[in-house]
């Protein structure tokens, strides 16, 4: 649960100043009474939907919007690819680089420890990371064509 610190207090990790928003277990709220106040969220659960024209609409914040896109477009891989590319274009090259590093690392582990071929390991890693629509981007990147993602 989120709480706002209203009176500074000391923890093992140091002083928590007044005004800071912290995450605490509900059972600590009573123990810290007078030092923190519970923050009541006015924001509803996040929502995502596709319009009739295939545009993605969202309300709220998602921890993993790529996974939401994959779920909403499971029956339309071309739309899935288009929406995922747009989603990734919102990030800088470093973010995309981290995603690709995570993908390569997972694929390498599956290839080495799981005995999969490189192609199957990349496919399985992409599947687990909700990146199946990006398999052709990976192929393009290997050939030196980075035109799929603008930075």
C-alpha atoms as a PDB file:
ATOM      1  CA  UNK A   1       0.000   0.000   0.000  1.00  0.00           C
ATOM      2  CA  UNK A   2       1.205   3.497  -0.753  1.00  0.00           C
ATOM      3  CA  UNK A   3       1.604   5.993   2.070  1.00  0.00           C
ATOM      4  CA  UNK A   4       2.888   9.550   2.421  1.00  0.00           C
ATOM      5  CA  UNK A   5       5.387  10.245   5.198  1.00  0.00           C
ATOM      6  CA  UNK A   6       4.050  13.085   7.348  1.00  0.00           C
ATOM      7  CA  UNK A   7       6.708  12.953  10.057  1.00  0.00           C
ATOM      8  CA  UNK A   8      10.300  11.871   9.303  1.00  0.00           C
ATOM      9  CA  UNK A   9      11.349   8.559  10.835  1.00  0.00           C
ATOM     10  CA  UNK A  10      14.463   6.417  10.998  1.00  0.00           C
ATOM     11  CA  UNK A  11      14.757   2.944   9.476  1.00  0.00           C
ATOM     12  CA  UNK A  12      17.669   0.504   9.203  1.00  0.00           C
ATOM     13  CA  UNK A  13      18.379   1.987   5.764  1.00  0.00           C
ATOM     14  CA  UNK A  14      18.315   5.601   6.944  1.00  0.00           C
ATOM     15  CA  UNK A  15      15.999   8.533   7.541  1.00  0.00           C
ATOM     16  CA  UNK A  16      12.803   8.744   5.507  1.00  0.00           C
ATOM     17  CA  UNK A  17      11.911  12.435   5.092  1.00  0.00           C
ATOM     18  CA  UNK A  18       8.454  13.976   5.311  1.00  0.00           C
ATOM     19  CA  UNK A  19       6.616  14.182   1.996  1.00  0.00           C
ATOM     20  CA  UNK A  20       8.100  11.010   0.514  1.00  0.00           C
ATOM     21  CA  UNK A  21       5.716   8.434  -0.930  1.00  0.00           C
ATOM     22  CA  UNK A  22       6.582   4.938   0.263  1.00  0.00           C
ATOM     23  CA  UNK A  23       5.234   1.433  -0.220  1.00  0.00           C
ATOM     24  CA  UNK A  24       4.461  -0.327   3.081  1.00  0.00           C
ATOM     25  CA  UNK A  25       2.651  -3.515   4.070  1.00  0.00           C
ATOM     26  CA  UNK A  26      -0.880  -2.808   5.416  1.00  0.00           C
ATOM     27  CA  UNK A  27       0.038  -4.219   8.840  1.00  0.00           C
ATOM     28  CA  UNK A  28       2.643  -1.456   9.303  1.00  0.00           C
ATOM     29  CA  UNK A  29       0.125   1.334   8.731  1.00  0.00           C
ATOM     30  CA  UNK A  30      -1.167   1.148  12.310  1.00  0.00           C
ATOM     31  CA  UNK A  31       2.345   0.800  13.720  1.00  0.00           C
ATOM     32  CA  UNK A  32       3.425   3.978  11.921  1.00  0.00           C
ATOM     33  CA  UNK A  33       0.259   5.901  12.820  1.00  0.00           C
ATOM     34  CA  UNK A  34       0.975   9.614  13.023  1.00  0.00           C
ATOM     35  CA  UNK A  35       4.106   9.234  10.874  1.00  0.00           C
ATOM     36  CA  UNK A  36       2.445   8.150   7.622  1.00  0.00           C
ATOM     37  CA  UNK A  37      -0.936   8.481   5.989  1.00  0.00           C
ATOM     38  CA  UNK A  38      -2.467   6.040   3.547  1.00  0.00           C
ATOM     39  CA  UNK A  39      -2.817   7.336  -0.003  1.00  0.00           C
ATOM     40  CA  UNK A  40      -6.188   6.559  -1.484  1.00  0.00           C
ATOM     41  CA  UNK A  41      -5.882   6.039  -5.205  1.00  0.00           C
ATOM     42  CA  UNK A  42      -8.467   7.769  -7.328  1.00  0.00           C
ATOM     43  CA  UNK A  43      -7.185   5.980 -10.425  1.00  0.00           C
ATOM     44  CA  UNK A  44      -9.146   2.929 -11.503  1.00  0.00           C
ATOM     45  CA  UNK A  45      -7.505  -0.237 -12.762  1.00  0.00           C
ATOM     46  CA  UNK A  46      -5.775   0.344 -16.101  1.00  0.00           C
ATOM     47  CA  UNK A  47      -7.784  -0.488 -19.206  1.00  0.00           C
ATOM     48  CA  UNK A  48      -6.762  -1.198 -22.788  1.00  0.00           C
ATOM     49  CA  UNK A  49      -8.862  -1.794 -25.875  1.00  0.00           C
ATOM     50  CA  UNK A  50      -8.718  -1.660 -29.655  1.00  0.00           C
ATOM     51  CA  UNK A  51     -10.940   0.668 -31.652  1.00  0.00           C
ATOM     52  CA  UNK A  52     -12.745  -0.597 -34.750  1.00  0.00           C
ATOM     53  CA  UNK A  53      -9.975   0.924 -36.862  1.00  0.00           C
ATOM     54  CA  UNK A  54      -7.297  -1.010 -34.933  1.00  0.00           C
ATOM     55  CA  UNK A  55      -5.979   1.864 -32.820  1.00  0.00           C
ATOM     56  CA  UNK A  56      -4.815   1.000 -29.308  1.00  0.00           C
ATOM     57  CA  UNK A  57      -6.456   3.004 -26.537  1.00  0.00           C
ATOM     58  CA  UNK A  58      -5.405   2.895 -22.893  1.00  0.00           C
ATOM     59  CA  UNK A  59      -6.457   4.414 -19.612  1.00  0.00           C
ATOM     60  CA  UNK A  60      -4.049   4.225 -16.673  1.00  0.00           C
ATOM     61  CA  UNK A  61      -0.519   2.867 -16.439  1.00  0.00           C
ATOM     62  CA  UNK A  62       0.582  -0.648 -17.366  1.00  0.00           C
ATOM     63  CA  UNK A  63       3.671  -2.441 -16.074  1.00  0.00           C
ATOM     64  CA  UNK A  64       4.035  -4.312 -19.378  1.00  0.00           C
ATOM     65  CA  UNK A  65       2.149  -2.701 -22.240  1.00  0.00           C
ATOM     66  CA  UNK A  66       3.803  -5.044 -24.753  1.00  0.00           C
ATOM     67  CA  UNK A  67       2.142  -8.030 -23.050  1.00  0.00           C
ATOM     68  CA  UNK A  68      -1.221  -6.225 -23.163  1.00  0.00           C
ATOM     69  CA  UNK A  69      -0.766  -5.543 -26.884  1.00  0.00           C
ATOM     70  CA  UNK A  70       0.028  -9.217 -27.488  1.00  0.00           C
ATOM     71  CA  UNK A  71      -3.113 -10.308 -25.633  1.00  0.00           C
ATOM     72  CA  UNK A  72      -5.356  -7.850 -27.472  1.00  0.00           C
ATOM     73  CA  UNK A  73      -3.993  -8.765 -30.910  1.00  0.00           C
ATOM     74  CA  UNK A  74      -3.469 -12.512 -30.580  1.00  0.00           C
ATOM     75  CA  UNK A  75      -5.680 -13.123 -33.621  1.00  0.00           C
ATOM     76  CA  UNK A  76      -4.098 -10.418 -35.813  1.00  0.00           C
ATOM     77  CA  UNK A  77      -0.304 -10.728 -35.951  1.00  0.00           C
ATOM     78  CA  UNK A  78       0.141  -7.966 -38.522  1.00  0.00           C
ATOM     79  CA  UNK A  79      -1.675  -5.509 -36.238  1.00  0.00           C
ATOM     80  CA  UNK A  80       0.294  -6.876 -33.298  1.00  0.00           C
ATOM     81  CA  UNK A  81       3.568  -6.222 -35.103  1.00  0.00           C
ATOM     82  CA  UNK A  82       2.483  -2.689 -36.068  1.00  0.00           C
ATOM     83  CA  UNK A  83       1.382  -1.784 -32.519  1.00  0.00           C
ATOM     84  CA  UNK A  84       4.480  -3.283 -30.906  1.00  0.00           C
ATOM     85  CA  UNK A  85       6.750  -1.374 -33.274  1.00  0.00           C
ATOM     86  CA  UNK A  86       4.916   1.872 -32.442  1.00  0.00           C
ATOM     87  CA  UNK A  87       5.222   1.052 -28.742  1.00  0.00           C
ATOM     88  CA  UNK A  88       8.971   0.488 -29.039  1.00  0.00           C
ATOM     89  CA  UNK A  89       9.473   3.630 -31.116  1.00  0.00           C
ATOM     90  CA  UNK A  90       8.426   5.576 -28.028  1.00  0.00           C
ATOM     91  CA  UNK A  91      11.637   4.419 -26.336  1.00  0.00           C
ATOM     92  CA  UNK A  92      15.193   5.381 -27.015  1.00  0.00           C
ATOM     93  CA  UNK A  93      17.771   3.042 -28.532  1.00  0.00           C
ATOM     94  CA  UNK A  94      19.125   2.125 -25.070  1.00  0.00           C
ATOM     95  CA  UNK A  95      15.740   0.737 -24.034  1.00  0.00           C
ATOM     96  CA  UNK A  96      15.473  -1.310 -27.213  1.00  0.00           C
ATOM     97  CA  UNK A  97      19.069  -2.429 -26.701  1.00  0.00           C
ATOM     98  CA  UNK A  98      18.233  -3.695 -23.202  1.00  0.00           C
ATOM     99  CA  UNK A  99      15.251  -5.632 -24.549  1.00  0.00           C
ATOM    100  CA  UNK A 100      17.406  -7.211 -27.231  1.00  0.00           C
ATOM    101  CA  UNK A 101      20.138  -8.048 -24.706  1.00  0.00           C
ATOM    102  CA  UNK A 102      17.573  -9.754 -22.477  1.00  0.00           C
ATOM    103  CA  UNK A 103      16.246 -11.642 -25.484  1.00  0.00           C
ATOM    104  CA  UNK A 104      19.737 -12.720 -26.613  1.00  0.00           C
ATOM    105  CA  UNK A 105      20.678 -13.792 -23.098  1.00  0.00           C
ATOM    106  CA  UNK A 106      17.536 -15.869 -22.654  1.00  0.00           C
ATOM    107  CA  UNK A 107      17.986 -17.419 -26.109  1.00  0.00           C
ATOM    108  CA  UNK A 108      21.631 -18.268 -25.367  1.00  0.00           C
ATOM    109  CA  UNK A 109      20.674 -19.978 -22.114  1.00  0.00           C
ATOM    110  CA  UNK A 110      17.927 -21.967 -23.861  1.00  0.00           C
ATOM    111  CA  UNK A 111      20.334 -22.941 -26.615  1.00  0.00           C
ATOM    112  CA  UNK A 112      23.168 -23.922 -24.280  1.00  0.00           C
ATOM    113  CA  UNK A 113      21.333 -25.379 -21.274  1.00  0.00           C
ATOM    114  CA  UNK A 114      18.191 -26.536 -23.075  1.00  0.00           C
ATOM    115  CA  UNK A 115      19.899 -28.003 -26.130  1.00  0.00           C
ATOM    116  CA  UNK A 116      17.698 -26.063 -28.555  1.00  0.00           C
ATOM    117  CA  UNK A 117      18.841 -24.907 -31.973  1.00  0.00           C
ATOM    118  CA  UNK A 118      19.652 -21.191 -32.141  1.00  0.00           C
ATOM    119  CA  UNK A 119      16.531 -20.491 -34.190  1.00  0.00           C
ATOM    120  CA  UNK A 120      14.246 -22.390 -31.801  1.00  0.00           C
ATOM    121  CA  UNK A 121      15.908 -20.759 -28.768  1.00  0.00           C
ATOM    122  CA  UNK A 122      15.348 -17.282 -30.245  1.00  0.00           C
ATOM    123  CA  UNK A 123      11.732 -18.132 -31.005  1.00  0.00           C
ATOM    124  CA  UNK A 124      11.105 -19.471 -27.481  1.00  0.00           C
ATOM    125  CA  UNK A 125      12.827 -16.470 -25.888  1.00  0.00           C
ATOM    126  CA  UNK A 126      10.763 -14.081 -28.015  1.00  0.00           C
ATOM    127  CA  UNK A 127       7.623 -15.930 -27.028  1.00  0.00           C
ATOM    128  CA  UNK A 128       8.389 -15.666 -23.314  1.00  0.00           C
ATOM    129  CA  UNK A 129       9.253 -11.977 -23.593  1.00  0.00           C
ATOM    130  CA  UNK A 130       6.132 -11.183 -25.679  1.00  0.00           C
ATOM    131  CA  UNK A 131       8.296 -10.300 -28.672  1.00  0.00           C
ATOM    132  CA  UNK A 132       7.150 -12.821 -31.302  1.00  0.00           C
ATOM    133  CA  UNK A 133       6.054 -10.058 -33.639  1.00  0.00           C
ATOM    134  CA  UNK A 134       9.656  -8.813 -33.671  1.00  0.00           C
ATOM    135  CA  UNK A 135      11.265 -11.932 -35.143  1.00  0.00           C
ATOM    136  CA  UNK A 136      11.554 -10.213 -38.543  1.00  0.00           C
ATOM    137  CA  UNK A 137      13.072  -7.122 -36.883  1.00  0.00           C
ATOM    138  CA  UNK A 138      15.786  -9.371 -35.442  1.00  0.00           C
ATOM    139  CA  UNK A 139      16.490 -10.770 -38.886  1.00  0.00           C
ATOM    140  CA  UNK A 140      16.646  -7.245 -40.332  1.00  0.00           C
ATOM    141  CA  UNK A 141      19.012  -6.129 -37.582  1.00  0.00           C
ATOM    142  CA  UNK A 142      21.334  -9.039 -38.313  1.00  0.00           C
ATOM    143  CA  UNK A 143      21.460  -7.960 -41.947  1.00  0.00           C
ATOM    144  CA  UNK A 144      22.316  -4.408 -40.873  1.00  0.00           C
ATOM    145  CA  UNK A 145      18.900  -2.853 -41.607  1.00  0.00           C
ATOM    146  CA  UNK A 146      17.859  -0.864 -38.503  1.00  0.00           C
ATOM    147  CA  UNK A 147      15.073   0.960 -40.340  1.00  0.00           C
ATOM    148  CA  UNK A 148      12.290  -0.732 -38.384  1.00  0.00           C
ATOM    149  CA  UNK A 149      12.926   1.312 -35.260  1.00  0.00           C
ATOM    150  CA  UNK A 150      13.411   5.062 -35.394  1.00  0.00           C
ATOM    151  CA  UNK A 151      15.225   6.823 -32.603  1.00  0.00           C
END
